[in-house]
Protein backbone atom coordinates (compact mmCIF):
# COMPACT_ATOMS: atom_id res chain seq x y z
CA UNK A 1 267.87 -108.83 20.41
CA UNK A 2 264.37 -108.23 21.76
CA UNK A 3 261.83 -106.01 20.06
CA UNK A 4 261.47 -102.54 21.49
CA UNK A 5 258.28 -101.72 23.32
CA UNK A 6 256.67 -98.36 22.67
CA UNK A 7 254.47 -96.00 24.69
CA UNK A 8 252.36 -93.19 23.24
CA UNK A 9 251.92 -89.77 24.86
CA UNK A 10 250.66 -86.44 23.69
CA UNK A 11 253.90 -84.79 24.80
CA UNK A 12 257.28 -86.35 25.56
CA UNK A 13 259.75 -84.13 27.46
CA UNK A 14 263.47 -84.97 27.56
CA UNK A 15 265.05 -83.73 30.79
CA UNK A 16 263.68 -83.07 34.29
CA UNK A 17 265.39 -79.75 34.88
CA UNK A 18 263.59 -76.45 35.48
CA UNK A 19 262.55 -76.06 31.80
CA UNK A 20 261.18 -79.57 31.34
CA UNK A 21 259.35 -79.66 34.66
CA UNK A 22 257.86 -76.17 34.22
CA UNK A 23 256.61 -77.19 30.75
CA UNK A 24 255.05 -80.38 32.15
CA UNK A 25 253.34 -78.54 35.01
CA UNK A 26 252.00 -75.77 32.79
CA UNK A 27 250.65 -78.35 30.28
CA UNK A 28 248.72 -80.15 33.00
CA UNK A 29 247.44 -76.86 34.47
CA UNK A 30 246.17 -75.72 31.05
CA UNK A 31 244.60 -79.11 30.35
CA UNK A 32 242.69 -78.89 33.65
CA UNK A 33 241.57 -75.31 32.92
CA UNK A 34 240.27 -76.36 29.50
CA UNK A 35 238.85 -79.71 30.66
CA UNK A 36 240.93 -81.71 28.18
CA UNK A 37 243.26 -84.68 28.65
CA UNK A 38 246.96 -84.29 27.81
CA UNK A 39 249.27 -87.23 28.47
CA UNK A 40 252.75 -86.02 29.47
CA UNK A 41 255.90 -87.96 30.31
CA UNK A 42 259.33 -86.68 31.35
CA UNK A 43 262.54 -88.66 30.86
CA UNK A 44 265.50 -87.99 33.17
CA UNK A 45 268.95 -89.56 32.69
CA UNK A 46 269.98 -89.08 36.33
CA UNK A 47 269.26 -91.75 38.92
CA UNK A 48 266.65 -89.41 40.41
CA UNK A 49 265.33 -85.95 39.60
CA UNK A 50 268.02 -83.48 40.70
CA UNK A 51 270.91 -85.97 40.57
CA UNK A 52 272.46 -84.18 37.58
CA UNK A 53 271.29 -80.65 38.36
CA UNK A 54 274.06 -78.22 39.16
CA UNK A 55 273.71 -74.47 39.33
CA UNK A 56 275.01 -71.61 41.50
CA UNK A 57 272.28 -70.69 42.28
CA UNK A 58 270.50 -67.46 42.96
CA UNK A 59 266.94 -67.77 41.70
CA UNK A 60 264.72 -64.98 40.45
CA UNK A 61 261.25 -66.25 41.48
CA UNK A 62 259.43 -64.45 38.64
CA UNK A 63 258.64 -67.58 36.62
CA UNK A 64 257.81 -69.60 39.73
CA UNK A 65 255.38 -66.87 40.81
CA UNK A 66 253.62 -67.25 37.46
CA UNK A 67 253.68 -71.05 37.46
CA UNK A 68 252.77 -71.84 41.08
CA UNK A 69 251.72 -68.60 42.83
CA UNK A 70 251.30 -70.33 46.22
CA UNK A 71 254.75 -71.95 46.15
CA UNK A 72 255.60 -70.66 49.62
CA UNK A 73 252.56 -72.31 51.23
CA UNK A 74 253.38 -75.50 49.28
CA UNK A 75 256.86 -75.65 50.81
CA UNK A 76 259.10 -74.84 47.84
CA UNK A 77 262.72 -74.94 49.04
CA UNK A 78 263.47 -71.22 48.61
CA UNK A 79 264.53 -70.56 52.18
CA UNK A 80 267.31 -67.98 51.97
CA UNK A 81 266.22 -64.59 50.61
CA UNK A 82 269.16 -62.49 49.39
CA UNK A 83 270.12 -59.98 52.11
CA UNK A 84 273.27 -58.39 50.63
CA UNK A 85 275.13 -58.11 47.30
CA UNK A 86 278.90 -57.75 47.17
CA UNK A 87 281.03 -57.48 44.04
CA UNK A 88 284.82 -57.64 44.48
CA UNK A 89 287.69 -57.11 42.06
CA UNK A 90 290.52 -59.38 43.19
CA UNK A 91 294.26 -58.92 42.82
CA UNK A 92 296.59 -61.64 44.07
CA UNK A 93 296.61 -60.43 47.68
CA UNK A 94 293.90 -57.82 48.00
CA UNK A 95 290.38 -56.95 46.92
CA UNK A 96 288.40 -53.87 45.95
CA UNK A 97 284.66 -53.77 46.72
CA UNK A 98 282.54 -52.03 44.11
CA UNK A 99 280.27 -49.46 45.84
CA UNK A 100 276.61 -50.47 45.63
CA UNK A 101 275.59 -47.33 43.70
CA UNK A 102 278.03 -48.34 40.91
CA UNK A 103 276.66 -51.85 40.51
CA UNK A 104 274.59 -52.39 37.34
CA UNK A 105 271.05 -53.68 37.94
CA UNK A 106 272.08 -57.12 36.63
CA UNK A 107 274.22 -57.61 39.76
CA UNK A 108 271.50 -56.65 42.22
CA UNK A 109 269.58 -59.54 43.76
CA UNK A 110 267.00 -57.98 46.05
CA UNK A 111 263.90 -60.20 45.95
CA UNK A 112 265.83 -63.29 44.81
CA UNK A 113 266.71 -66.45 46.74
CA UNK A 114 269.86 -68.49 47.31
CA UNK A 115 268.82 -72.06 46.48
CA UNK A 116 269.85 -75.58 45.60
CA UNK A 117 268.43 -75.92 42.08
CA UNK A 118 268.55 -79.70 42.46
CA UNK A 119 266.21 -79.48 45.47
CA UNK A 120 263.93 -77.03 43.66
CA UNK A 121 263.70 -79.51 40.77
CA UNK A 122 262.91 -82.35 43.19
CA UNK A 123 260.08 -80.21 44.55
CA UNK A 124 258.86 -79.27 41.05
CA UNK A 125 258.81 -82.98 40.16
CA UNK A 126 256.50 -83.64 43.12
CA UNK A 127 254.16 -80.89 41.90
CA UNK A 128 254.24 -82.33 38.37
CA UNK A 129 253.47 -85.87 39.53
CA UNK A 130 250.59 -84.61 41.67
CA UNK A 131 249.10 -83.22 38.44
CA UNK A 132 249.46 -86.57 36.66
CA UNK A 133 252.80 -86.15 34.85
CA UNK A 134 254.71 -89.43 34.50
CA UNK A 135 258.42 -89.02 35.30
CA UNK A 136 260.95 -91.73 34.47
CA UNK A 137 264.34 -91.17 36.18
CA UNK A 138 267.27 -93.35 35.13
CA UNK A 139 266.12 -93.39 31.50
CA UNK A 140 268.30 -91.30 29.17
CA UNK A 141 266.93 -90.41 25.76
CA UNK A 142 269.60 -91.94 23.53
CA UNK A 143 268.27 -91.09 20.08
CA UNK A 144 265.54 -89.21 18.22
CA UNK A 145 262.83 -91.08 16.30
CA UNK A 146 261.42 -89.61 13.09
CA UNK A 147 258.19 -90.02 11.14
CA UNK A 148 258.31 -90.82 7.43
CA UNK A 149 257.61 -87.17 6.63
CA UNK A 150 260.77 -86.12 8.51
CA UNK A 151 259.05 -84.79 11.63
CA UNK A 152 260.11 -85.86 15.13
CA UNK A 153 258.15 -88.90 16.32
CA UNK A 154 259.67 -89.15 19.81
CA UNK A 155 262.78 -90.66 21.37
CA UNK A 156 264.22 -94.03 22.27
CA UNK A 157 265.81 -94.66 25.67
CA UNK A 158 269.24 -96.23 25.93
CA UNK A 159 269.69 -100.01 25.93
CA UNK A 160 270.72 -101.49 29.29
CA UNK A 161 273.17 -104.35 29.77
CA UNK A 162 275.50 -103.77 26.81
CA UNK A 163 279.15 -104.67 27.52
CA UNK A 164 282.25 -102.66 26.68
CA UNK A 165 282.51 -104.35 23.28
CA UNK A 166 278.93 -103.42 22.42
CA UNK A 167 277.54 -106.93 22.94
CA UNK A 168 274.42 -107.72 25.02
CA UNK A 169 275.02 -109.30 28.45
CA UNK A 170 272.66 -111.46 30.53
CA UNK A 171 271.26 -108.21 31.96
CA UNK A 172 270.37 -106.85 28.48
CA UNK A 173 267.18 -104.83 28.19
CA UNK A 174 266.37 -102.97 24.99
CA UNK A 175 265.51 -99.29 25.17
CA UNK A 176 261.91 -98.22 24.99
CA UNK A 177 260.38 -96.02 22.31
CA UNK A 178 258.37 -93.04 23.57
CA UNK A 179 256.20 -91.57 20.86
CA UNK A 180 254.68 -88.12 21.17
CA UNK A 181 252.54 -85.87 19.05
CA UNK A 182 255.20 -83.36 20.08
CA UNK A 183 258.56 -83.75 21.85
CA UNK A 184 260.24 -81.04 23.93
CA UNK A 185 264.02 -81.20 24.38
CA UNK A 186 265.10 -79.81 27.76
CA UNK A 187 268.46 -81.54 28.20
CA UNK A 188 270.33 -78.51 29.52
CA UNK A 189 273.49 -77.00 28.07
CA UNK A 190 274.84 -78.76 24.95
CA UNK A 191 272.17 -81.45 24.97
CA UNK A 192 273.41 -84.24 22.72
CA UNK A 193 270.02 -84.66 21.00
CA UNK A 194 269.47 -80.91 20.82
CA UNK A 195 272.80 -80.63 19.04
CA UNK A 196 271.76 -83.24 16.45
CA UNK A 197 268.41 -81.54 15.90
CA UNK A 198 270.12 -78.19 15.34
CA UNK A 199 272.24 -79.82 12.62
CA UNK A 200 269.43 -81.83 11.00
CA UNK A 201 266.96 -78.95 10.77
CA UNK A 202 269.64 -76.23 10.24
CA UNK A 203 268.34 -74.37 13.30
CA UNK A 204 271.56 -72.35 13.62
CA UNK A 205 271.47 -70.83 10.16
CA UNK A 206 271.79 -67.05 10.38
CA UNK A 207 272.62 -66.83 14.10
CA UNK A 208 275.88 -66.30 15.98
CA UNK A 209 277.92 -69.31 17.12
CA UNK A 210 276.93 -70.46 20.60
CA UNK A 211 279.54 -69.73 23.29
CA UNK A 212 279.89 -71.40 26.66
CA UNK A 213 281.45 -71.32 30.08
CA UNK A 214 282.35 -74.08 32.50
CA UNK A 215 281.00 -73.65 36.01
CA UNK A 216 282.71 -75.51 38.87
CA UNK A 217 281.10 -75.64 42.28
CA UNK A 218 281.76 -76.88 45.78
CA UNK A 219 279.36 -77.01 48.69
CA UNK A 220 280.95 -76.16 52.04
CA UNK A 221 279.68 -76.26 55.59
CA UNK A 222 281.39 -73.32 57.28
CA UNK A 223 281.71 -72.14 60.88
CA UNK A 224 278.49 -70.47 62.11
CA UNK A 225 280.33 -67.27 63.04
CA UNK A 226 281.54 -66.90 59.43
CA UNK A 227 278.15 -67.58 57.86
CA UNK A 228 275.94 -64.74 56.56
CA UNK A 229 272.72 -66.30 55.28
CA UNK A 230 271.57 -64.52 52.13
CA UNK A 231 274.92 -62.89 51.30
CA UNK A 232 275.60 -63.07 47.55
CA UNK A 233 279.17 -62.35 46.52
CA UNK A 234 280.71 -62.26 43.03
CA UNK A 235 284.30 -61.60 42.06
CA UNK A 236 286.28 -60.82 38.91
CA UNK A 237 290.02 -60.64 38.32
CA UNK A 238 292.57 -62.91 40.02
CA UNK A 239 293.42 -65.74 39.51
CA UNK A 240 292.51 -65.35 35.81
CA UNK A 241 294.56 -63.17 33.49
CA UNK A 242 292.72 -60.00 32.50
CA UNK A 243 292.21 -61.25 28.93
CA UNK A 244 290.34 -64.39 30.08
CA UNK A 245 286.58 -64.19 30.70
CA UNK A 246 285.47 -65.58 34.04
CA UNK A 247 284.70 -64.93 37.68
CA UNK A 248 283.38 -66.46 40.85
CA UNK A 249 280.23 -66.79 42.88
CA UNK A 250 280.03 -67.31 46.63
CA UNK A 251 276.50 -67.77 47.98
CA UNK A 252 275.52 -68.19 51.63
CA UNK A 253 272.64 -70.67 51.83
CA UNK A 254 270.77 -71.82 54.92
CA UNK A 255 272.20 -74.19 57.60
CA UNK A 256 275.74 -72.74 57.50
CA UNK A 257 276.18 -73.90 53.90
CA UNK A 258 277.91 -71.89 51.19
CA UNK A 259 278.06 -72.57 47.46
CA UNK A 260 281.53 -71.63 46.24
CA UNK A 261 281.93 -71.61 42.50
CA UNK A 262 284.02 -70.45 39.58
CA UNK A 263 283.10 -69.86 35.93
CA UNK A 264 285.61 -69.76 33.07
CA UNK A 265 284.52 -68.79 29.57
CA UNK A 266 285.42 -71.61 27.20
CA UNK A 267 286.68 -69.16 24.58
CA UNK A 268 290.02 -68.97 26.43
CA UNK A 269 293.17 -69.17 24.28
CA UNK A 270 295.94 -70.74 26.39
CA UNK A 271 295.77 -74.56 26.12
CA UNK A 272 297.58 -74.82 29.47
CA UNK A 273 294.76 -73.09 31.34
CA UNK A 274 293.04 -75.50 33.73
CA UNK A 275 289.64 -74.22 34.95
CA UNK A 276 289.62 -76.69 37.87
CA UNK A 277 293.01 -75.46 39.12
CA UNK A 278 291.98 -71.82 38.69
CA UNK A 279 289.01 -72.57 40.96
CA UNK A 280 291.27 -74.16 43.57
CA UNK A 281 293.62 -71.13 43.47
CA UNK A 282 290.69 -68.74 43.87
CA UNK A 283 289.79 -70.30 47.24
CA UNK A 284 293.21 -69.34 48.64
CA UNK A 285 292.53 -65.60 48.24
CA UNK A 286 292.31 -63.87 51.64
CA UNK A 287 288.77 -62.61 50.89
CA UNK A 288 287.57 -66.19 50.25
CA UNK A 289 289.82 -68.14 52.61
CA UNK A 290 288.50 -66.11 55.54
CA UNK A 291 285.05 -67.67 55.06
CA UNK A 292 286.17 -71.25 54.34
CA UNK A 293 288.89 -71.84 56.94
CA UNK A 294 287.76 -74.34 59.55
CA UNK A 295 284.91 -75.46 57.30
CA UNK A 296 284.29 -78.76 55.55
CA UNK A 297 283.83 -79.43 51.84
CA UNK A 298 280.87 -81.76 51.30
CA UNK A 299 280.11 -81.81 47.56
CA UNK A 300 281.69 -81.02 44.20
CA UNK A 301 280.45 -80.81 40.62
CA UNK A 302 280.85 -79.09 37.27
CA UNK A 303 278.60 -78.21 34.35
CA UNK A 304 278.93 -76.21 31.17
CA UNK A 305 276.63 -73.20 30.76
CA UNK A 306 275.34 -71.62 27.58
CA UNK A 307 276.37 -67.97 27.51
CA UNK A 308 275.84 -66.68 23.96
CA UNK A 309 272.64 -64.86 24.78
CA UNK A 310 269.89 -63.81 22.44
CA UNK A 311 272.10 -63.43 19.35
CA UNK A 312 273.13 -67.11 19.65
CA UNK A 313 269.64 -68.56 20.13
CA UNK A 314 268.83 -71.10 17.40
CA UNK A 315 265.46 -71.40 15.71
CA UNK A 316 263.43 -72.92 18.56
CA UNK A 317 261.00 -75.15 16.65
CA UNK A 318 261.05 -77.90 14.03
CA UNK A 319 258.37 -80.33 12.81
CA UNK A 320 257.17 -82.26 15.86
CA UNK A 321 259.04 -80.50 18.61
CA UNK A 322 260.94 -77.64 20.19
CA UNK A 323 264.05 -76.72 22.20
CA UNK A 324 263.53 -75.19 25.65
CA UNK A 325 265.76 -74.06 28.52
CA UNK A 326 269.51 -74.24 28.17
CA UNK A 327 269.18 -76.79 25.35
CA UNK A 328 268.38 -73.66 23.32
CA UNK A 329 270.52 -71.22 25.33
CA UNK A 330 268.08 -69.28 27.53
CA UNK A 331 270.61 -68.04 30.06
CA UNK A 332 271.21 -64.45 31.09
CA UNK A 333 275.02 -64.30 31.42
CA UNK A 334 274.95 -60.74 32.79
CA UNK A 335 272.79 -61.83 35.75
CA UNK A 336 274.50 -65.24 36.07
CA UNK A 337 271.01 -66.73 36.07
CA UNK A 338 269.21 -69.24 33.91
CA UNK A 339 266.63 -71.16 35.94
CA UNK A 340 263.90 -68.50 35.72
CA UNK A 341 264.57 -68.15 31.97
CA UNK A 342 264.50 -71.93 31.48
CA UNK A 343 261.18 -72.18 33.31
CA UNK A 344 259.63 -69.34 31.34
CA UNK A 345 260.68 -70.89 28.01
CA UNK A 346 259.07 -74.19 29.05
CA UNK A 347 255.88 -72.38 30.04
CA UNK A 348 255.74 -70.50 26.71
CA UNK A 349 256.21 -73.77 24.82
CA UNK A 350 253.47 -75.42 26.92
CA UNK A 351 250.93 -72.78 25.87
CA UNK A 352 251.75 -73.35 22.19
CA UNK A 353 251.53 -77.11 22.70
CA UNK A 354 248.18 -76.98 24.45
CA UNK A 355 246.67 -74.81 21.71
CA UNK A 356 248.01 -77.16 19.02
CA UNK A 357 246.73 -80.31 20.73
CA UNK A 358 243.34 -78.74 21.41
CA UNK A 359 243.09 -77.91 17.69
CA UNK A 360 243.80 -81.55 16.82
CA UNK A 361 247.27 -80.84 15.40
CA UNK A 362 250.39 -82.96 15.75
CA UNK A 363 253.97 -83.21 14.44
CA UNK A 364 253.97 -79.71 12.90
CA UNK A 365 255.96 -76.60 13.85
CA UNK A 366 254.84 -74.85 17.02
CA UNK A 367 255.35 -71.38 15.56
CA UNK A 368 253.30 -69.82 18.35
CA UNK A 369 256.12 -70.62 20.81
CA UNK A 370 258.86 -68.39 19.29
CA UNK A 371 256.21 -65.74 18.60
CA UNK A 372 255.20 -65.77 22.27
CA UNK A 373 258.86 -65.57 23.29
CA UNK A 374 259.41 -62.47 21.14
CA UNK A 375 256.61 -60.62 22.95
CA UNK A 376 257.53 -61.85 26.47
CA UNK A 377 259.42 -60.26 29.36
CA UNK A 378 262.08 -62.95 28.83
CA UNK A 379 262.90 -61.59 25.37
CA UNK A 380 263.13 -58.06 26.78
CA UNK A 381 265.45 -59.24 29.58
CA UNK A 382 267.77 -61.17 27.25
CA UNK A 383 267.80 -58.31 24.74
CA UNK A 384 269.02 -55.92 27.46
CA UNK A 385 271.82 -58.36 28.34
CA UNK A 386 272.89 -59.10 24.75
CA UNK A 387 276.17 -57.13 24.80
CA UNK A 388 277.46 -58.30 28.19
CA UNK A 389 279.38 -61.42 27.10
CA UNK A 390 280.81 -59.89 23.89
CA UNK A 391 282.10 -56.87 25.87
CA UNK A 392 283.52 -58.98 28.71
CA UNK A 393 285.27 -61.24 26.19
CA UNK A 394 287.36 -58.21 25.17
CA UNK A 395 289.18 -58.22 28.53
CA UNK A 396 288.40 -57.46 32.15
CA UNK A 397 289.16 -53.73 32.25
CA UNK A 398 287.88 -52.46 28.92
CA UNK A 399 285.00 -54.96 29.11
CA UNK A 400 283.93 -53.76 32.57
CA UNK A 401 284.01 -50.15 31.40
CA UNK A 402 281.91 -50.91 28.32
CA UNK A 403 279.42 -53.03 30.29
CA UNK A 404 279.04 -50.06 32.64
CA UNK A 405 278.28 -47.79 29.69
CA UNK A 406 275.93 -50.36 28.13
CA UNK A 407 274.03 -51.30 31.30
CA UNK A 408 274.15 -48.14 33.44
CA UNK A 409 274.16 -45.37 30.84
CA UNK A 410 271.95 -47.02 28.22
CA UNK A 411 270.05 -49.44 30.51
CA UNK A 412 270.79 -52.26 28.05
CA UNK A 413 269.04 -50.38 25.24
CA UNK A 414 272.08 -49.13 23.33
CA UNK A 415 271.58 -48.83 19.55
CA UNK A 416 274.17 -51.55 18.83
CA UNK A 417 274.40 -55.32 19.13
CA UNK A 418 277.81 -56.98 19.34
CA UNK A 419 278.31 -60.44 17.87
CA UNK A 420 280.20 -63.65 18.61
CA UNK A 421 282.46 -64.55 15.69
CA UNK A 422 284.05 -67.83 16.82
CA UNK A 423 283.02 -71.10 18.40
CA UNK A 424 284.91 -71.92 21.60
CA UNK A 425 286.73 -74.85 19.98
CA UNK A 426 288.38 -72.45 17.49
CA UNK A 427 290.17 -70.19 19.97
CA UNK A 428 293.13 -72.19 21.35
CA UNK A 429 296.61 -71.00 20.40
CA UNK A 430 299.31 -73.60 19.58
CA UNK A 431 301.42 -74.58 22.60
CA UNK A 432 304.56 -73.00 21.10
CA UNK A 433 302.90 -69.56 21.22
CA UNK A 434 301.99 -69.55 24.93
CA UNK A 435 303.51 -69.97 28.37
CA UNK A 436 302.62 -73.09 30.40
CA UNK A 437 300.88 -72.29 33.71
CA UNK A 438 302.33 -73.73 36.92
CA UNK A 439 299.62 -74.56 39.45
CA UNK A 440 300.36 -75.18 43.15
CA UNK A 441 299.87 -78.63 44.64
CA UNK A 442 296.63 -79.09 46.62
CA UNK A 443 296.87 -78.86 50.40
CA UNK A 444 293.95 -81.23 51.11
CA UNK A 445 292.39 -78.63 53.42
CA UNK A 446 291.31 -75.74 51.22
CA UNK A 447 292.41 -77.06 47.83
CA UNK A 448 292.00 -80.58 46.47
CA UNK A 449 292.94 -82.79 43.53
CA UNK A 450 290.39 -83.73 40.90
CA UNK A 451 289.97 -87.38 41.85
CA UNK A 452 289.10 -86.65 45.48
CA UNK A 453 286.63 -84.08 44.12
CA UNK A 454 285.02 -86.56 41.72
CA UNK A 455 284.67 -88.94 44.67
CA UNK A 456 282.41 -86.46 46.53
CA UNK A 457 280.30 -85.89 43.41
CA UNK A 458 279.11 -89.49 43.93
CA UNK A 459 279.82 -90.17 40.25
CA UNK A 460 279.39 -93.76 39.20
CA UNK A 461 279.10 -95.59 35.89
CA UNK A 462 278.89 -99.31 35.27
CA UNK A 463 282.42 -99.94 33.96
CA UNK A 464 281.37 -102.76 31.61
CA UNK A 465 279.55 -100.57 29.10
CA UNK A 466 280.58 -98.82 25.90
CA UNK A 467 282.62 -95.66 26.52
CA UNK A 468 280.18 -92.75 26.17
CA UNK A 469 282.90 -90.25 25.26
CA UNK A 470 283.30 -91.21 21.63
CA UNK A 471 286.01 -90.21 19.14
CA UNK A 472 285.20 -89.65 15.47
CA UNK A 473 288.86 -90.38 14.66
CA UNK A 474 290.96 -92.17 17.30
CA UNK A 475 294.17 -90.75 15.77
CA UNK A 476 293.32 -87.08 16.38
CA UNK A 477 294.13 -86.91 20.14
CA UNK A 478 297.82 -87.67 19.46
CA UNK A 479 298.27 -86.33 15.90
CA UNK A 480 296.51 -83.01 16.52
CA UNK A 481 295.70 -82.33 20.19
CA UNK A 482 298.98 -83.56 21.71
CA UNK A 483 301.17 -82.33 18.86
CA UNK A 484 299.70 -78.82 18.58
CA UNK A 485 298.17 -78.08 21.99
CA UNK A 486 299.86 -80.51 24.44
CA UNK A 487 296.57 -82.42 24.92
CA UNK A 488 294.33 -79.72 26.44
CA UNK A 489 291.60 -82.28 27.23
CA UNK A 490 293.79 -83.34 30.18
CA UNK A 491 293.23 -79.86 31.64
CA UNK A 492 289.81 -78.59 30.57
CA UNK A 493 288.03 -81.73 31.82
CA UNK A 494 287.09 -81.07 35.48
CA UNK A 495 286.95 -84.78 36.34
CA UNK A 496 290.23 -86.30 35.13
CA UNK A 497 288.56 -88.29 32.35
CA UNK A 498 291.30 -87.74 29.75
CA UNK A 499 294.87 -88.90 30.33
CA UNK A 500 297.86 -89.23 28.00
CA UNK A 501 299.70 -92.43 28.94
CA UNK A 502 302.96 -93.76 27.47
CA UNK A 503 305.08 -96.88 27.75
CA UNK A 504 307.94 -97.10 30.25
CA UNK A 505 310.33 -95.01 28.14
CA UNK A 506 307.75 -92.27 27.60
CA UNK A 507 307.26 -93.31 23.99
CA UNK A 508 304.09 -94.31 22.10
CA UNK A 509 301.69 -91.90 23.82
CA UNK A 510 297.99 -92.70 23.67
CA UNK A 511 294.80 -91.16 25.06
CA UNK A 512 293.20 -93.05 27.92
CA UNK A 513 289.55 -92.21 28.58
CA UNK A 514 288.47 -92.80 32.20
CA UNK A 515 284.77 -92.59 31.36
CA UNK A 516 283.67 -93.71 34.82
CA UNK A 517 284.84 -90.31 36.17
CA UNK A 518 282.61 -88.26 33.84
CA UNK A 519 280.33 -85.74 35.59
CA UNK A 520 278.37 -85.05 32.36
CA UNK A 521 279.55 -81.43 32.16
CA UNK A 522 279.90 -81.51 28.30
CA UNK A 523 283.06 -79.36 28.31
CA UNK A 524 284.97 -81.83 26.11
CA UNK A 525 282.15 -81.86 23.55
CA UNK A 526 282.41 -78.05 23.39
CA UNK A 527 286.15 -77.27 23.67
CA UNK A 528 287.81 -80.11 21.72
CA UNK A 529 289.66 -78.21 18.95
CA UNK A 530 288.56 -80.41 16.02
CA UNK A 531 285.19 -81.40 17.53
CA UNK A 532 286.44 -84.99 17.49
CA UNK A 533 285.01 -85.84 20.94
CA UNK A 534 281.27 -86.50 20.89
CA UNK A 535 279.44 -87.03 24.18
CA UNK A 536 276.62 -89.62 24.03
CA UNK A 537 274.44 -90.92 26.85
CA UNK A 538 275.84 -93.66 29.08
CA UNK A 539 273.65 -96.32 30.66
CA UNK A 540 270.70 -94.91 32.61
CA UNK A 541 271.31 -93.67 36.13
CA UNK A 542 275.06 -93.26 35.57
CA UNK A 543 276.96 -90.07 36.28
CA UNK A 544 276.97 -87.82 39.33
CA UNK A 545 274.48 -88.00 42.18
CA UNK A 546 274.50 -84.45 43.48
CA UNK A 547 273.02 -83.71 46.90
CA UNK A 548 271.83 -80.11 47.47
CA UNK A 549 273.62 -78.77 44.39
């Protein structure tokens, strides 16, 4: 095999989402202010910037105002200011609208914008490149490189042209090494390198387990008479049972588009629960159907979100690098927002980086970054929201009451902090203790099967490559998952990747992994009961190609 080439930068950033791009832009801005040179490159595993970005999304422009104050004149795609907030509690056939005066501040969106985060990231990438940042789409960071002293040296991109058996083909190209004085990891929720770094440097010692949700989203073009640009609607209740954390978002964008989405907390207990099917059921509710009927579904996707809040944040720094954005867990679950927090974390890290580089340092711990976070508005915001997810995990009705007390009565400054005690993979009950859930068949008009949904996510992987959904022990899916939980990976995966197949008589079951369907949501890596499934990067440019998501 060929020798790897290497490139040297001051800063290597893994991931061209809001955190990585904000960090890159802020670094170049600071370098220009101080008349110094800082070489910055950004790696992105998607085929283009934005291809793998999926978010609701309502964006709080606070970080963008700080980063690029003249973003409006520069044409940033924030075109639909929020005009109205609605919060509904759903029962099977009816809905109850929460009066505006009873809504906690976290559910009020005046001054925010309904956006496509993918398009905002495409725009941020243009701003970054205009400042001299080098962005390499289609190049996933496959592994971390280390210096002899144990500090992070950089990353290596994935090899191209490896066949299913792991052998090089005629198209083989070795990955490239990118060396940095510092490396920022901005891979988004459950980044596979971020996870390894947390284990290697024991970054999770002394903090709560991280907890997650899965967010599923469809983009619809609806009839103009049913469209209310700027309307932001959230729901709780049906179709989920009251003991299961979750809810929906329904955002009216520009051009008669709506983003319809559903979030299910991955701490759920019933192995028969299927987040994708819950989402499809939700769309049949009269309060939702009335908007969608006569419309056309044009895109679909799914992505896990990090919801543990401030008590689940790991140590952010290690020798030679740092975690930013949702790779660390900077998401405000109470506001259902993360992009402004991701950007701010990247900007805080950039300041620490610039100071370190200007002082001639490299490969050490950027302690100024977590210090700056602790004295920032972001820390204050996340601290106020810290009890939201723990309360809501106690059940819809008691949780809602306690969130009201915590957020309205105490303004998020109650003298207590609740904690997360379990990882999401530890919460499933054995199949013999629960009732299976019967889901209705899709009608092909309002509700759809998973494979037709994956088709409109434009997901594609070269089929002759090693399967990127790896098993530590190939016996576990049948011996443990099927035997105890009736193979829950068949249901929690939103893309139909995992299938139990048998021979003609129904004997000799085995797990079939349809890796080409994977939308890179990371749910399997999070929810698998024994943590036997490990997600690694596929060949560059593979995965979904989301438009306007």
